[in-house]
Amino acid sequence: VQLVESGGGLVQPGGSLRLFCVASGFTFSSYAMRWYRQAPGKERELVAHISSNGSTNYADSRKGRFTISRDNAKNTVYLQMNSLNTEDTAEYYCYARAYNYPWNEYWGQGTQVTVSS
């Protein structure tokens, strides 16, 4: 099982990035997918959630700036991030959780996003 994130990098305030998470080794379409992030010295926090049928939820501060989507044919989940600010600097992690017992869950290794001028 693998979740491989990519797309992170250095971006100026106000800029955009698109993160990718490619899944393998499990039935992607049967899993809810999420993006989390963790800034230095802070706890990991939920960024966005997408269910297997495409319904989405966002943490309040990301609503309107971030968009999560998925392509079940490509086993890929995306996070489009716009109007980035310095507080968005963090390691971003992809997460998968099964809907059924034994409720398997998987984490990616993370991709770093740095917002700085």
C-alpha atoms as a PDB file:
ATOM      1  CA  VAL A   1       0.000   0.000   0.000  1.00  0.00           C
ATOM      2  CA  GLN A   2       1.301   3.427  -0.920  1.00  0.00           C
ATOM      3  CA  LEU A   3       0.141   7.017  -0.887  1.00  0.00           C
ATOM      4  CA  VAL A   4       2.612   9.223  -2.698  1.00  0.00           C
ATOM      5  CA  GLU A   5       2.208  12.983  -2.463  1.00  0.00           C
ATOM      6  CA  SER A   6       3.767  15.518  -4.784  1.00  0.00           C
ATOM      7  CA  GLY A   7       3.312  19.098  -5.903  1.00  0.00           C
ATOM      8  CA  GLY A   8       4.629  20.896  -2.853  1.00  0.00           C
ATOM      9  CA  GLY A   9       7.234  23.624  -3.018  1.00  0.00           C
ATOM     10  CA  LEU A  10       8.015  27.257  -2.390  1.00  0.00           C
ATOM     11  CA  VAL A  11       5.384  29.809  -3.392  1.00  0.00           C
ATOM     12  CA  GLN A  12       4.926  33.524  -2.748  1.00  0.00           C
ATOM     13  CA  PRO A  13       2.013  34.829  -0.666  1.00  0.00           C
ATOM     14  CA  GLY A  14      -1.087  35.023  -2.824  1.00  0.00           C
ATOM     15  CA  GLY A  15       0.120  32.231  -5.055  1.00  0.00           C
ATOM     16  CA  SER A  16      -1.325  28.808  -5.830  1.00  0.00           C
ATOM     17  CA  LEU A  17      -0.214  25.203  -5.700  1.00  0.00           C
ATOM     18  CA  ARG A  18      -1.828  21.914  -6.629  1.00  0.00           C
ATOM     19  CA  LEU A  19      -0.979  18.871  -4.572  1.00  0.00           C
ATOM     20  CA  PHE A  20      -1.300  15.328  -5.855  1.00  0.00           C
ATOM     21  CA  CYS A  21      -1.652  12.041  -4.008  1.00  0.00           C
ATOM     22  CA  VAL A  22      -1.411   8.824  -6.004  1.00  0.00           C
ATOM     23  CA  ALA A  23      -2.671   5.682  -4.284  1.00  0.00           C
ATOM     24  CA  SER A  24      -1.786   2.067  -4.915  1.00  0.00           C
ATOM     25  CA  GLY A  25      -2.299  -1.295  -3.256  1.00  0.00           C
ATOM     26  CA  PHE A  26      -5.915  -0.865  -2.205  1.00  0.00           C
ATOM     27  CA  THR A  27      -9.335  -0.206  -3.748  1.00  0.00           C
ATOM     28  CA  PHE A  28      -9.108   3.571  -3.972  1.00  0.00           C
ATOM     29  CA  SER A  29     -12.763   4.104  -4.896  1.00  0.00           C
ATOM     30  CA  SER A  30     -13.866   2.436  -1.634  1.00  0.00           C
ATOM     31  CA  TYR A  31     -11.946   4.849   0.580  1.00  0.00           C
ATOM     32  CA  ALA A  32     -12.601   8.300   1.910  1.00  0.00           C
ATOM     33  CA  MET A  33      -9.634  10.563   1.270  1.00  0.00           C
ATOM     34  CA  ARG A  34      -8.335  13.503   3.260  1.00  0.00           C
ATOM     35  CA  TRP A  35      -5.574  16.039   3.289  1.00  0.00           C
ATOM     36  CA  TYR A  36      -4.004  16.956   6.614  1.00  0.00           C
ATOM     37  CA  ARG A  37      -1.213  19.365   7.373  1.00  0.00           C
ATOM     38  CA  GLN A  38       1.258  19.911  10.173  1.00  0.00           C
ATOM     39  CA  ALA A  39       3.194  23.093  10.767  1.00  0.00           C
ATOM     40  CA  PRO A  40       6.374  23.118  12.879  1.00  0.00           C
ATOM     41  CA  GLY A  41       5.529  22.957  16.557  1.00  0.00           C
ATOM     42  CA  LYS A  42       1.828  22.416  15.903  1.00  0.00           C
ATOM     43  CA  GLU A  43      -0.504  19.441  15.869  1.00  0.00           C
ATOM     44  CA  ARG A  44      -1.570  17.805  12.644  1.00  0.00           C
ATOM     45  CA  GLU A  45      -4.889  19.263  11.456  1.00  0.00           C
ATOM     46  CA  LEU A  46      -7.497  18.313   8.900  1.00  0.00           C
ATOM     47  CA  VAL A  47      -7.538  20.388   5.743  1.00  0.00           C
ATOM     48  CA  ALA A  48     -10.188  18.741   3.577  1.00  0.00           C
ATOM     49  CA  HIS A  49     -12.165  15.534   3.150  1.00  0.00           C
ATOM     50  CA  ILE A  50     -13.706  13.877   0.122  1.00  0.00           C
ATOM     51  CA  SER A  51     -15.929  10.827   0.190  1.00  0.00           C
ATOM     52  CA  SER A  52     -15.954   8.051  -2.378  1.00  0.00           C
ATOM     53  CA  ASN A  53     -18.902   9.683  -4.167  1.00  0.00           C
ATOM     54  CA  GLY A  54     -17.194  13.079  -4.299  1.00  0.00           C
ATOM     55  CA  SER A  55     -18.902  14.972  -1.499  1.00  0.00           C
ATOM     56  CA  THR A  56     -16.498  17.316   0.262  1.00  0.00           C
ATOM     57  CA  ASN A  57     -15.892  19.017   3.585  1.00  0.00           C
ATOM     58  CA  TYR A  58     -13.334  21.618   4.575  1.00  0.00           C
ATOM     59  CA  ALA A  59     -11.862  23.072   7.703  1.00  0.00           C
ATOM     60  CA  ASP A  60     -13.393  26.529   8.067  1.00  0.00           C
ATOM     61  CA  SER A  61     -10.240  28.521   7.410  1.00  0.00           C
ATOM     62  CA  ARG A  62      -9.648  26.691   4.124  1.00  0.00           C
ATOM     63  CA  LYS A  63     -13.176  26.962   2.776  1.00  0.00           C
ATOM     64  CA  GLY A  64     -13.202  28.986  -0.429  1.00  0.00           C
ATOM     65  CA  ARG A  65      -9.425  28.903  -0.910  1.00  0.00           C
ATOM     66  CA  PHE A  66      -8.799  25.151  -1.106  1.00  0.00           C
ATOM     67  CA  THR A  67     -10.532  22.571  -3.284  1.00  0.00           C
ATOM     68  CA  ILE A  68     -10.220  18.820  -2.853  1.00  0.00           C
ATOM     69  CA  SER A  69     -11.099  16.509  -5.720  1.00  0.00           C
ATOM     70  CA  ARG A  70     -10.472  12.946  -6.785  1.00  0.00           C
ATOM     71  CA  ASP A  71     -10.193  10.872  -9.930  1.00  0.00           C
ATOM     72  CA  ASN A  72     -11.049   7.268  -9.109  1.00  0.00           C
ATOM     73  CA  ALA A  73      -9.890   6.122 -12.555  1.00  0.00           C
ATOM     74  CA  LYS A  74      -6.409   7.482 -11.784  1.00  0.00           C
ATOM     75  CA  ASN A  75      -6.360   6.556  -8.083  1.00  0.00           C
ATOM     76  CA  THR A  76      -5.509  10.165  -7.384  1.00  0.00           C
ATOM     77  CA  VAL A  77      -6.713  12.833  -4.986  1.00  0.00           C
ATOM     78  CA  TYR A  78      -5.876  16.491  -5.515  1.00  0.00           C
ATOM     79  CA  LEU A  79      -5.726  19.603  -3.387  1.00  0.00           C
ATOM     80  CA  GLN A  80      -5.907  22.911  -5.232  1.00  0.00           C
ATOM     81  CA  MET A  81      -4.701  25.702  -2.972  1.00  0.00           C
ATOM     82  CA  ASN A  82      -5.233  29.352  -3.900  1.00  0.00           C
ATOM     83  CA  SER A  83      -4.523  32.661  -2.174  1.00  0.00           C
ATOM     84  CA  LEU A  84      -1.848  31.027  -0.070  1.00  0.00           C
ATOM     85  CA  ASN A  85      -0.477  32.868   2.932  1.00  0.00           C
ATOM     86  CA  THR A  86       2.401  32.248   5.305  1.00  0.00           C
ATOM     87  CA  GLU A  87       0.115  30.439   7.749  1.00  0.00           C
ATOM     88  CA  ASP A  88      -0.400  27.734   5.130  1.00  0.00           C
ATOM     89  CA  THR A  89       3.256  26.727   5.416  1.00  0.00           C
ATOM     90  CA  ALA A  90       3.288  23.112   6.562  1.00  0.00           C
ATOM     91  CA  GLU A  91       3.921  19.517   5.626  1.00  0.00           C
ATOM     92  CA  TYR A  92       0.824  18.252   3.822  1.00  0.00           C
ATOM     93  CA  TYR A  93      -0.212  14.633   4.175  1.00  0.00           C
ATOM     94  CA  CYS A  94      -2.591  12.448   2.230  1.00  0.00           C
ATOM     95  CA  TYR A  95      -4.771  10.036   4.220  1.00  0.00           C
ATOM     96  CA  ALA A  96      -7.078   7.183   3.224  1.00  0.00           C
ATOM     97  CA  ARG A  97      -9.706   5.464   5.336  1.00  0.00           C
ATOM     98  CA  ALA A  98     -11.860   2.494   4.447  1.00  0.00           C
ATOM     99  CA  TYR A  99     -15.640   2.616   4.873  1.00  0.00           C
ATOM    100  CA  ASN A 100     -15.885  -0.947   6.075  1.00  0.00           C
ATOM    101  CA  TYR A 101     -14.366  -3.171   8.731  1.00  0.00           C
ATOM    102  CA  PRO A 102     -11.487  -3.351   9.557  1.00  0.00           C
ATOM    103  CA  TRP A 103     -11.483   0.337   8.647  1.00  0.00           C
ATOM    104  CA  ASN A 104      -7.948   0.302   7.290  1.00  0.00           C
ATOM    105  CA  GLU A 105      -6.233   3.664   7.212  1.00  0.00           C
ATOM    106  CA  TYR A 106      -3.095   4.786   5.427  1.00  0.00           C
ATOM    107  CA  TRP A 107      -0.859   7.857   5.427  1.00  0.00           C
ATOM    108  CA  GLY A 108       1.442   9.276   2.823  1.00  0.00           C
ATOM    109  CA  GLN A 109       4.939  10.520   3.570  1.00  0.00           C
ATOM    110  CA  GLY A 110       4.046  14.181   3.121  1.00  0.00           C
ATOM    111  CA  THR A 111       4.964  17.024   0.819  1.00  0.00           C
ATOM    112  CA  GLN A 112       6.301  20.346   2.055  1.00  0.00           C
ATOM    113  CA  VAL A 113       4.531  23.597   1.220  1.00  0.00           C
ATOM    114  CA  THR A 114       6.371  26.803   2.051  1.00  0.00           C
ATOM    115  CA  VAL A 115       4.731  30.187   1.538  1.00  0.00           C
ATOM    116  CA  SER A 116       7.277  32.968   1.703  1.00  0.00           C
ATOM    117  CA  SER A 117       8.300  36.123  -0.102  1.00  0.00           C
END
